[in-house]
Structure formats: structure tokens, C-alpha cells
């Protein structure tokens, strides 16, 4: 029984890692604007401070060079401004787009 539970938890862990990995690729963190001043990153809705903390951790690990807003058409001006401020604070690039056509994020 313990082996079955261990295998089940290992499977869920690998599935979550694969799901979370799609939000981080080629040194860029991919976020979506969801609610007022909230972003979806690695499957979690995060406020501006939590997003800053998550991105700071990736930058400290030397993995982060930019942040990409996946849905710029649905993002408010406030979302774009917050993401640009976070990127400037972390001294990384801010982009918008789908991963293939990245454009510099403008406020």
C-alpha cells in the first residue's frame, strides 16, 4: 500500500512539474493577467508582491532573464504597468506575446 501511495504522489509531482515548466522557457517566465492586479504563474493566481517574490527567486537562481505577458489583449493598462515595474525592478526584460513573436512590453 505504501508503494502505491508513493508511486501516486511521485506521478502527481512529475505531472505538476511538467505543468509548471510550461510557464518558464528559455529564461523567460510566462504570466497571464487574470484579475485586477493578479497574474497567473505556474498554475497559481498571484498578486503583484507574490509574483515579484516568485520572479526574484528565479532570478537569484540565475534562471530568469525576462518576463512575458501571454495575453496582452486581455490585460489592463494596470497589468502592463505592474509587470513593467516588476521587470524594471528585477532588471530583466518585459515582453508581450505568445512565445514566438515577442514584443517589448509598453505601458
Protein backbone atom coordinates (compact mmCIF):
# COMPACT_ATOMS: atom_id res chain seq x y z
CA UNK A 1 0.00 0.00 0.00
CA UNK A 2 2.83 2.39 0.83
CA UNK A 3 4.43 1.74 -2.56
CA UNK A 4 1.19 2.51 -4.36
CA UNK A 5 0.78 5.81 -2.49
CA UNK A 6 4.41 6.71 -3.06
CA UNK A 7 4.06 5.99 -6.78
CA UNK A 8 0.86 8.03 -6.90
CA UNK A 9 2.47 11.05 -5.23
CA UNK A 10 5.52 10.74 -7.48
CA UNK A 11 3.26 10.73 -10.53
CA UNK A 12 1.42 13.83 -9.33
CA UNK A 13 4.75 15.53 -8.61
CA UNK A 14 6.03 14.85 -12.11
CA UNK A 15 2.75 15.98 -13.64
CA UNK A 16 2.85 19.24 -11.69
CA UNK A 17 6.49 19.82 -12.66
CA UNK A 18 5.61 19.34 -16.32
CA UNK A 19 2.62 21.68 -15.97
CA UNK A 20 4.65 24.35 -14.18
CA UNK A 21 7.53 24.04 -16.66
CA UNK A 22 5.38 25.45 -19.47
CA UNK A 23 5.33 28.77 -17.63
CA UNK A 24 9.12 29.01 -17.76
CA UNK A 25 11.04 28.55 -21.00
CA UNK A 26 14.32 29.85 -22.44
CA UNK A 27 14.94 32.12 -19.46
CA UNK A 28 11.52 33.76 -19.69
CA UNK A 29 8.68 33.47 -17.20
CA UNK A 30 5.27 33.43 -18.89
CA UNK A 31 2.42 35.06 -16.95
CA UNK A 32 -1.23 35.79 -17.71
CA UNK A 33 -3.23 38.73 -16.46
CA UNK A 34 -6.32 37.34 -14.73
CA UNK A 35 -7.97 39.53 -12.11
CA UNK A 36 -7.43 43.10 -11.00
CA UNK A 37 -3.73 43.29 -10.13
CA UNK A 38 -3.40 39.50 -10.27
CA UNK A 39 -1.39 37.27 -12.57
CA UNK A 40 -1.46 33.53 -13.24
CA UNK A 41 2.01 31.99 -12.94
CA UNK A 42 2.79 28.29 -12.58
CA UNK A 43 -0.87 27.50 -12.09
CA UNK A 44 -1.36 29.93 -9.20
CA UNK A 45 -3.07 33.32 -9.17
CA UNK A 46 -0.57 35.71 -7.63
CA UNK A 47 -0.80 39.33 -6.59
CA UNK A 48 1.92 41.76 -7.55
CA UNK A 49 4.02 41.12 -4.44
CA UNK A 50 3.82 37.33 -4.69
CA UNK A 51 4.70 37.49 -8.38
CA UNK A 52 7.67 39.70 -7.60
CA UNK A 53 8.83 37.20 -4.97
CA UNK A 54 8.49 34.24 -7.34
CA UNK A 55 10.36 36.01 -10.12
CA UNK A 56 13.04 37.25 -7.70
CA UNK A 57 13.66 33.66 -6.60
CA UNK A 58 14.12 32.55 -10.22
CA UNK A 59 16.43 35.49 -10.89
CA UNK A 60 18.51 34.72 -7.80
CA UNK A 61 18.94 31.17 -9.12
CA UNK A 62 20.30 32.68 -12.35
CA UNK A 63 17.50 31.26 -14.47
CA UNK A 64 15.45 34.37 -15.29
CA UNK A 65 16.23 36.92 -18.00
CA UNK A 66 12.74 38.13 -18.90
CA UNK A 67 9.03 38.03 -18.22
CA UNK A 68 6.37 37.60 -20.91
CA UNK A 69 2.73 38.68 -20.71
CA UNK A 70 0.85 35.95 -22.58
CA UNK A 71 -2.47 37.75 -23.04
CA UNK A 72 -1.73 41.42 -23.72
CA UNK A 73 -5.09 41.87 -25.45
CA UNK A 74 -6.97 40.92 -22.26
CA UNK A 75 -4.61 42.70 -19.87
CA UNK A 76 -5.50 46.10 -18.50
CA UNK A 77 -3.19 49.08 -18.57
CA UNK A 78 -2.63 48.48 -14.84
CA UNK A 79 -1.46 44.89 -15.51
CA UNK A 80 1.02 46.08 -18.12
CA UNK A 81 2.27 48.85 -15.85
CA UNK A 82 2.76 46.49 -12.89
CA UNK A 83 4.61 43.93 -14.99
CA UNK A 84 6.86 46.62 -16.46
CA UNK A 85 7.62 47.98 -12.97
CA UNK A 86 8.43 44.48 -11.70
CA UNK A 87 10.72 43.82 -14.68
CA UNK A 88 12.49 47.15 -14.21
CA UNK A 89 12.97 46.43 -10.51
CA UNK A 90 14.44 43.00 -11.24
CA UNK A 91 16.49 44.42 -14.12
CA UNK A 92 15.07 41.95 -16.64
CA UNK A 93 13.26 42.39 -19.94
CA UNK A 94 9.46 42.64 -20.20
CA UNK A 95 7.73 41.27 -23.29
CA UNK A 96 4.25 40.55 -24.55
CA UNK A 97 3.28 37.83 -26.96
CA UNK A 98 2.81 34.12 -27.38
CA UNK A 99 6.41 32.93 -27.20
CA UNK A 100 7.12 33.00 -30.92
CA UNK A 101 6.59 36.70 -31.57
CA UNK A 102 7.81 38.56 -28.51
CA UNK A 103 7.39 42.32 -28.49
CA UNK A 104 8.81 44.65 -25.85
CA UNK A 105 6.08 45.44 -23.34
CA UNK A 106 4.95 49.03 -23.48
CA UNK A 107 2.79 50.64 -20.83
